[in-house]
Amino acid sequence: MNRIYGLIIVILINGMAFGQGCSDAGFCTMGAMKPDQPFNKRVPLKLRSVEVSFYRGTTTTSPVVYVGTIDMSFNIIDNKTFFQIKLPYQAVTGNFGNTGGLSDISYCLTRNIYSSEEYNIGVTLGGKIPTNNSNLKDDRFDNPLPMYYQTSLGTYDAIAGISLVSRKWLFATGIQHPFNQNGNQFTYDDWIPVYEGGPDYVRTYAPSYELKRGTDIMFRVERNFRYSRINFSVGLLPIWRITKDEIFDVNLNERVKLDGTLGMALSGIITAGYNFNVKSGIRLLLGHKITQRDVNPDGLTREMVSTLSYTYRF
């Protein structure tokens, strides 16, 4: 057991230092689309839970993103239906400045529509509520910040998904559709005079003025390895943006669809968990970005990310 505890500590330390991960607008960790879902017919599944997670992510530019999240799930009506709500607080630090505040609130209703000794099938419907209009400004020059620094995506989104979970495998797919454009007003012209020789640096951020994100479709395939207290999973998470992102071009004075925003972002996902007992446990999730879209005005792309979480079920 000492060797096992030592292995877990090594994994956690290395993961927090070197973990690389995927980016999405929130739906990959909601309801039926969540990673590392348990399946054990011998132990009654506790649908009520509170999870506290801590996230650190470095981006493809200068910002570093920190997120603390309270994720609550509880069963309603019967033991086949549960409601989930996520309350994240996000802080960002980078060359443009620092921001912080409550991030977008995600919620969903998940129903187990089929259950057998071999597998379960669940479906999810939900959405996301913005906490601001995605136009936070820096403290020094009062200039609008790029999307990488925004604590909200600034849109109302609909989320839907379905999953099949067995003892060894998890297959899931889902869709997330934003209904509106946000209020972001970041432009190059505001920031280029601020930085000496700044155009090269400023233009590393894609234009995002009044951004309307495209629709995303995700797939998850995951192989689980579960023991009495320890569990691991390895999987792939491709996310397709099937409609182009759209912004207002201040130079053309019209809305334009951005080339390079369509296509797949593919990530490899690894989780490692330890259960203290049937009620509580810890988990580390790491993801490695394999491919990404050419243009990412939403500020979601990450170079390195790790999430450490504690769950209590009741």
Protein backbone atom coordinates (compact mmCIF):
# COMPACT_ATOMS: atom_id res chain seq x y z
CA MET A 1 0.00 0.00 0.00
CA ASN A 2 2.89 2.38 0.69
CA ARG A 3 4.06 1.89 -2.89
CA ILE A 4 0.56 2.62 -4.15
CA TYR A 5 0.30 5.81 -2.08
CA GLY A 6 3.72 6.84 -3.33
CA LEU A 7 2.70 6.23 -6.92
CA ILE A 8 -0.42 8.39 -6.50
CA ILE A 9 1.62 11.25 -5.03
CA VAL A 10 4.14 11.07 -7.90
CA ILE A 11 1.30 11.11 -10.44
CA LEU A 12 -0.31 14.12 -8.78
CA ILE A 13 2.92 16.12 -8.55
CA ASN A 14 3.96 15.36 -12.13
CA GLY A 15 0.48 15.99 -13.39
CA MET A 16 0.16 19.37 -11.73
CA ALA A 17 3.50 20.34 -13.24
CA PHE A 18 3.26 18.94 -16.76
CA GLY A 19 -0.34 18.09 -17.54
CA GLN A 20 -1.54 19.22 -20.97
CA GLY A 21 -5.18 19.29 -21.84
CA CYS A 22 -8.14 19.98 -24.00
CA SER A 23 -10.34 23.03 -24.14
CA ASP A 24 -14.07 23.24 -24.57
CA ALA A 25 -16.91 25.58 -23.72
CA GLY A 26 -18.03 23.49 -20.77
CA PHE A 27 -20.18 20.64 -22.01
CA CYS A 28 -17.48 17.93 -21.90
CA THR A 29 -17.82 17.70 -18.11
CA MET A 30 -21.62 17.85 -17.90
CA GLY A 31 -24.04 14.99 -17.22
CA ALA A 32 -23.76 12.09 -19.64
CA MET A 33 -20.61 13.59 -21.21
CA LYS A 34 -18.53 13.56 -17.99
CA PRO A 35 -15.29 11.53 -17.96
CA ASP A 36 -14.58 8.63 -15.62
CA GLN A 37 -18.21 7.70 -14.90
CA PRO A 38 -18.59 4.79 -12.44
CA PHE A 39 -20.40 1.53 -13.25
CA ASN A 40 -20.82 -0.99 -10.44
CA LYS A 41 -24.01 -3.01 -10.00
CA ARG A 42 -22.81 -4.45 -6.69
CA VAL A 43 -22.58 -1.09 -4.90
CA PRO A 44 -25.63 1.23 -4.93
CA LEU A 45 -24.77 4.38 -6.88
CA LYS A 46 -25.05 7.57 -4.83
CA LEU A 47 -26.41 10.24 -7.17
CA ARG A 48 -26.03 13.13 -4.74
CA SER A 49 -22.52 14.55 -4.68
CA VAL A 50 -20.45 17.68 -4.19
CA GLU A 51 -17.18 18.00 -6.07
CA VAL A 52 -14.59 20.71 -5.45
CA SER A 53 -11.97 21.04 -8.17
CA PHE A 54 -8.91 23.19 -8.79
CA TYR A 55 -7.62 23.87 -12.29
CA ARG A 56 -4.51 25.52 -13.72
CA GLY A 57 -4.02 26.04 -17.43
CA THR A 58 -1.40 27.79 -19.54
CA THR A 59 -2.55 29.12 -22.89
CA THR A 60 -0.98 29.39 -26.31
CA THR A 61 -0.11 33.03 -25.53
CA SER A 62 0.85 34.60 -22.16
CA PRO A 63 -2.22 34.16 -19.88
CA VAL A 64 -2.36 31.57 -17.12
CA VAL A 65 -5.88 30.54 -16.11
CA TYR A 66 -6.90 29.37 -12.63
CA VAL A 67 -10.37 28.01 -11.89
CA GLY A 68 -11.95 26.77 -8.67
CA THR A 69 -15.29 24.99 -9.20
CA ILE A 70 -18.08 23.68 -7.01
CA ASP A 71 -19.93 20.95 -8.93
CA MET A 72 -23.16 19.73 -7.30
CA SER A 73 -25.35 16.80 -8.38
CA PHE A 74 -28.48 15.46 -6.73
CA ASN A 75 -31.17 13.02 -7.73
CA ILE A 76 -34.76 14.19 -8.26
CA ILE A 77 -38.02 12.30 -8.82
CA ASP A 78 -36.30 8.89 -8.63
CA ASN A 79 -32.87 7.24 -8.70
CA LYS A 80 -32.65 7.52 -12.48
CA THR A 81 -32.74 11.30 -12.81
CA PHE A 82 -30.28 13.85 -11.44
CA PHE A 83 -29.68 17.58 -11.71
CA GLN A 84 -26.17 19.04 -11.96
CA ILE A 85 -24.99 22.62 -11.51
CA LYS A 86 -21.43 23.98 -11.76
CA LEU A 87 -20.33 27.23 -10.11
CA PRO A 88 -16.79 28.22 -11.20
CA TYR A 89 -14.61 31.12 -10.09
CA GLN A 90 -11.94 32.06 -12.62
CA ALA A 91 -8.79 34.17 -12.37
CA VAL A 92 -6.45 35.03 -15.24
CA THR A 93 -3.00 36.61 -15.20
CA GLY A 94 -0.88 37.59 -18.19
CA ASN A 95 0.95 40.38 -20.03
CA PHE A 96 -2.28 42.32 -20.62
CA GLY A 97 -3.15 42.32 -16.90
CA ASN A 98 -5.20 40.38 -14.38
CA THR A 99 -8.89 39.51 -14.19
CA GLY A 100 -11.06 37.48 -11.86
CA GLY A 101 -14.68 36.72 -11.11
CA LEU A 102 -17.52 34.22 -11.24
CA SER A 103 -17.41 32.31 -14.52
CA ASP A 104 -20.32 30.92 -16.53
CA ILE A 105 -22.85 28.78 -14.67
CA SER A 106 -23.60 25.40 -16.26
CA TYR A 107 -26.60 23.23 -15.44
CA CYS A 108 -28.18 20.05 -16.80
CA LEU A 109 -30.73 17.31 -16.20
CA THR A 110 -29.58 13.73 -16.83
CA ARG A 111 -31.83 10.68 -17.11
CA ASN A 112 -30.83 7.01 -17.15
CA ILE A 113 -33.04 5.67 -19.94
CA TYR A 114 -31.73 2.08 -19.97
CA SER A 115 -29.97 -0.07 -17.40
CA SER A 116 -28.74 -3.68 -17.50
CA GLU A 117 -26.02 -5.84 -16.00
CA GLU A 118 -23.78 -4.96 -18.95
CA TYR A 119 -24.25 -1.21 -19.47
CA ASN A 120 -26.23 1.97 -18.78
CA ILE A 121 -27.47 4.58 -21.25
CA GLY A 122 -28.02 8.17 -20.11
CA VAL A 123 -29.22 11.35 -21.82
CA THR A 124 -28.57 14.96 -20.82
CA LEU A 125 -30.27 18.30 -21.53
CA GLY A 126 -29.00 21.56 -20.13
CA GLY A 127 -27.45 24.93 -20.75
CA LYS A 128 -25.01 27.63 -19.74
CA ILE A 129 -25.70 31.10 -18.33
CA PRO A 130 -23.16 33.94 -18.80
CA THR A 131 -22.07 35.94 -15.75
CA ASN A 132 -20.99 39.02 -17.71
CA ASN A 133 -20.90 40.29 -21.29
CA SER A 134 -17.31 39.13 -21.87
CA ASN A 135 -15.87 42.65 -22.11
CA LEU A 136 -13.70 43.07 -19.03
CA LYS A 137 -11.09 45.84 -19.41
CA ASP A 138 -7.58 46.28 -18.07
CA ASP A 139 -6.96 48.54 -15.07
CA ARG A 140 -4.21 50.66 -16.61
CA PHE A 141 -5.53 51.80 -19.98
CA ASP A 142 -9.21 50.81 -19.78
CA ASN A 143 -8.86 48.85 -23.02
CA PRO A 144 -11.07 45.80 -23.73
CA LEU A 145 -9.19 42.57 -23.09
CA PRO A 146 -8.91 39.56 -25.45
CA MET A 147 -11.14 36.55 -24.84
CA TYR A 148 -8.29 34.69 -23.10
CA TYR A 149 -8.67 37.16 -20.20
CA GLN A 150 -12.46 37.08 -20.01
CA THR A 151 -14.07 35.18 -17.13
CA SER A 152 -17.23 34.56 -19.18
CA LEU A 153 -17.89 33.52 -22.77
CA GLY A 154 -20.81 35.95 -22.72
CA THR A 155 -23.38 33.64 -24.35
CA TYR A 156 -26.45 31.63 -23.47
CA ASP A 157 -25.84 28.06 -24.63
CA ALA A 158 -27.90 24.89 -25.01
CA ILE A 159 -26.31 21.51 -24.20
CA ALA A 160 -27.44 17.97 -25.06
CA GLY A 161 -25.74 14.58 -24.98
CA ILE A 162 -25.97 10.82 -24.60
CA SER A 163 -23.62 8.18 -23.19
CA LEU A 164 -23.17 4.42 -22.90
CA VAL A 165 -21.25 3.28 -19.81
CA SER A 166 -20.06 -0.26 -19.02
CA ARG A 167 -17.55 -1.64 -16.52
CA LYS A 168 -14.66 -1.05 -18.90
CA TRP A 169 -15.83 1.47 -21.49
CA LEU A 170 -17.44 4.88 -21.80
CA PHE A 171 -18.81 6.22 -25.09
CA ALA A 172 -20.42 9.66 -25.19
CA THR A 173 -21.41 12.35 -27.65
CA GLY A 174 -22.86 15.81 -27.15
CA ILE A 175 -23.61 19.17 -28.75
CA GLN A 176 -23.32 22.74 -27.49
CA HIS A 177 -24.95 25.62 -29.34
CA PRO A 178 -24.59 29.34 -28.40
CA PHE A 179 -27.60 31.55 -29.13
CA ASN A 180 -26.11 35.04 -29.11
CA GLN A 181 -23.00 37.09 -29.73
CA ASN A 182 -21.07 38.41 -26.75
CA GLY A 183 -20.10 41.98 -25.92
CA ASN A 184 -16.33 41.67 -26.34
CA GLN A 185 -14.77 44.74 -27.99
CA PHE A 186 -11.11 43.75 -28.23
CA THR A 187 -9.36 45.25 -31.27
CA TYR A 188 -5.73 45.46 -32.32
CA ASP A 189 -5.88 49.25 -32.73
CA ASP A 190 -6.46 49.85 -29.01
CA TRP A 191 -3.45 47.82 -27.91
CA ILE A 192 -0.75 48.24 -30.57
CA PRO A 193 0.22 51.76 -29.33
CA VAL A 194 0.53 50.44 -25.76
CA TYR A 195 3.35 47.97 -26.47
CA GLU A 196 6.60 49.10 -28.05
CA GLY A 197 7.00 46.92 -31.10
CA GLY A 198 3.64 45.51 -30.08
CA PRO A 199 1.92 44.44 -33.32
CA ASP A 200 3.61 41.03 -33.35
CA TYR A 201 2.58 40.38 -29.74
CA VAL A 202 -0.92 41.83 -29.92
CA ARG A 203 -1.80 39.94 -33.08
CA THR A 204 -1.15 36.59 -31.42
CA TYR A 205 -4.74 36.99 -30.19
CA ALA A 206 -7.42 36.31 -32.78
CA PRO A 207 -9.93 39.15 -33.33
CA SER A 208 -13.05 38.66 -31.21
CA TYR A 209 -15.13 41.85 -31.47
CA GLU A 210 -18.75 40.88 -30.66
CA LEU A 211 -17.89 37.21 -31.11
CA LYS A 212 -20.55 34.60 -31.85
CA ARG A 213 -19.02 31.15 -31.36
CA GLY A 214 -19.86 28.30 -33.68
CA THR A 215 -21.63 25.10 -32.67
CA ASP A 216 -19.52 22.29 -31.16
CA ILE A 217 -20.02 18.52 -31.31
CA MET A 218 -17.95 16.26 -29.04
CA PHE A 219 -17.25 12.53 -28.86
CA ARG A 220 -15.64 10.71 -25.96
CA VAL A 221 -14.26 7.16 -25.92
CA GLU A 222 -12.67 5.99 -22.69
CA ARG A 223 -11.22 2.75 -21.33
CA ASN A 224 -11.49 2.36 -17.56
CA PHE A 225 -9.39 0.28 -15.17
CA ARG A 226 -11.05 -0.02 -11.77
CA TYR A 227 -9.80 -1.69 -8.61
CA SER A 228 -11.04 -1.67 -5.02
CA ARG A 229 -9.81 1.86 -4.27
CA ILE A 230 -7.79 2.97 -7.28
CA ASN A 231 -9.03 3.66 -10.79
CA PHE A 232 -7.50 4.88 -14.03
CA SER A 233 -8.89 5.79 -17.43
CA VAL A 234 -7.40 6.54 -20.85
CA GLY A 235 -9.39 8.09 -23.66
CA LEU A 236 -9.74 10.35 -26.68
CA LEU A 237 -11.85 13.51 -26.87
CA PRO A 238 -12.40 15.03 -30.33
CA ILE A 239 -14.42 18.26 -30.52
CA TRP A 240 -15.67 19.49 -33.90
CA ARG A 241 -16.69 23.09 -34.51
CA ILE A 242 -19.23 22.60 -37.28
CA THR A 243 -20.14 26.25 -37.93
CA LYS A 244 -17.73 29.17 -38.28
CA ASP A 245 -17.13 31.72 -35.55
CA GLU A 246 -18.43 35.16 -36.46
CA ILE A 247 -17.24 38.64 -35.42
CA PHE A 248 -17.91 42.27 -36.26
CA ASP A 249 -15.05 43.59 -38.43
CA VAL A 250 -14.53 47.20 -37.37
CA ASN A 251 -12.55 47.97 -40.54
CA LEU A 252 -15.19 46.58 -42.92
CA ASN A 253 -18.03 47.76 -40.67
CA GLU A 254 -19.85 44.44 -41.08
CA ARG A 255 -20.09 40.99 -39.55
CA VAL A 256 -17.80 38.34 -41.04
CA LYS A 257 -17.31 34.59 -40.59
CA LEU A 258 -13.73 33.68 -39.69
CA ASP A 259 -11.79 31.21 -41.80
CA GLY A 260 -9.85 28.59 -39.86
CA THR A 261 -12.39 28.26 -37.04
CA LEU A 262 -13.98 25.09 -38.43
CA GLY A 263 -12.60 21.62 -37.76
CA MET A 264 -11.51 19.26 -35.03
CA ALA A 265 -9.57 19.74 -31.81
CA LEU A 266 -8.40 16.31 -30.60
CA SER A 267 -7.13 15.55 -27.11
CA GLY A 268 -5.89 12.49 -25.26
CA ILE A 269 -7.30 12.25 -21.72
CA ILE A 270 -5.93 10.41 -18.67
CA THR A 271 -7.51 10.25 -15.21
CA ALA A 272 -6.22 8.74 -11.98
CA GLY A 273 -8.38 8.44 -8.88
CA TYR A 274 -8.32 7.10 -5.35
CA ASN A 275 -11.44 6.32 -3.26
CA PHE A 276 -11.05 6.81 0.48
CA ASN A 277 -14.36 4.96 0.89
CA VAL A 278 -17.67 4.60 -0.97
CA LYS A 279 -18.52 8.22 -0.16
CA SER A 280 -15.38 10.19 -1.01
CA GLY A 281 -12.36 10.23 -3.26
CA ILE A 282 -9.86 12.34 -5.19
CA ARG A 283 -9.14 12.44 -8.91
CA LEU A 284 -6.58 13.97 -11.24
CA LEU A 285 -7.49 14.61 -14.87
CA LEU A 286 -4.83 15.36 -17.49
CA GLY A 287 -5.28 15.98 -21.17
CA HIS A 288 -2.82 16.35 -24.02
CA LYS A 289 -3.73 18.43 -27.04
CA ILE A 290 -3.03 16.40 -30.18
CA THR A 291 -4.53 18.74 -32.79
CA GLN A 292 -6.33 22.08 -32.65
CA ARG A 293 -8.14 24.45 -34.97
CA ASP A 294 -6.09 27.05 -36.83
CA VAL A 295 -7.98 30.07 -35.45
CA ASN A 296 -9.41 30.25 -31.91
CA PRO A 297 -10.99 33.63 -31.13
CA ASP A 298 -12.91 32.26 -28.11
CA GLY A 299 -9.75 32.04 -25.97
CA LEU A 300 -10.33 28.41 -24.97
CA THR A 301 -7.16 26.83 -26.35
CA ARG A 302 -4.74 25.56 -23.71
CA GLU A 303 -1.09 24.49 -23.84
CA MET A 304 -1.05 22.75 -20.45
CA VAL A 305 -3.84 21.95 -18.01
CA SER A 306 -4.49 19.81 -14.95
CA THR A 307 -7.53 19.42 -12.71
CA LEU A 308 -7.41 18.01 -9.18
CA SER A 309 -10.78 17.31 -7.56
CA TYR A 310 -12.28 15.98 -4.34
CA THR A 311 -15.76 14.38 -4.43
CA TYR A 312 -18.11 13.62 -1.56
CA ARG A 313 -21.18 11.48 -2.27
CA PHE A 314 -24.20 11.20 0.00
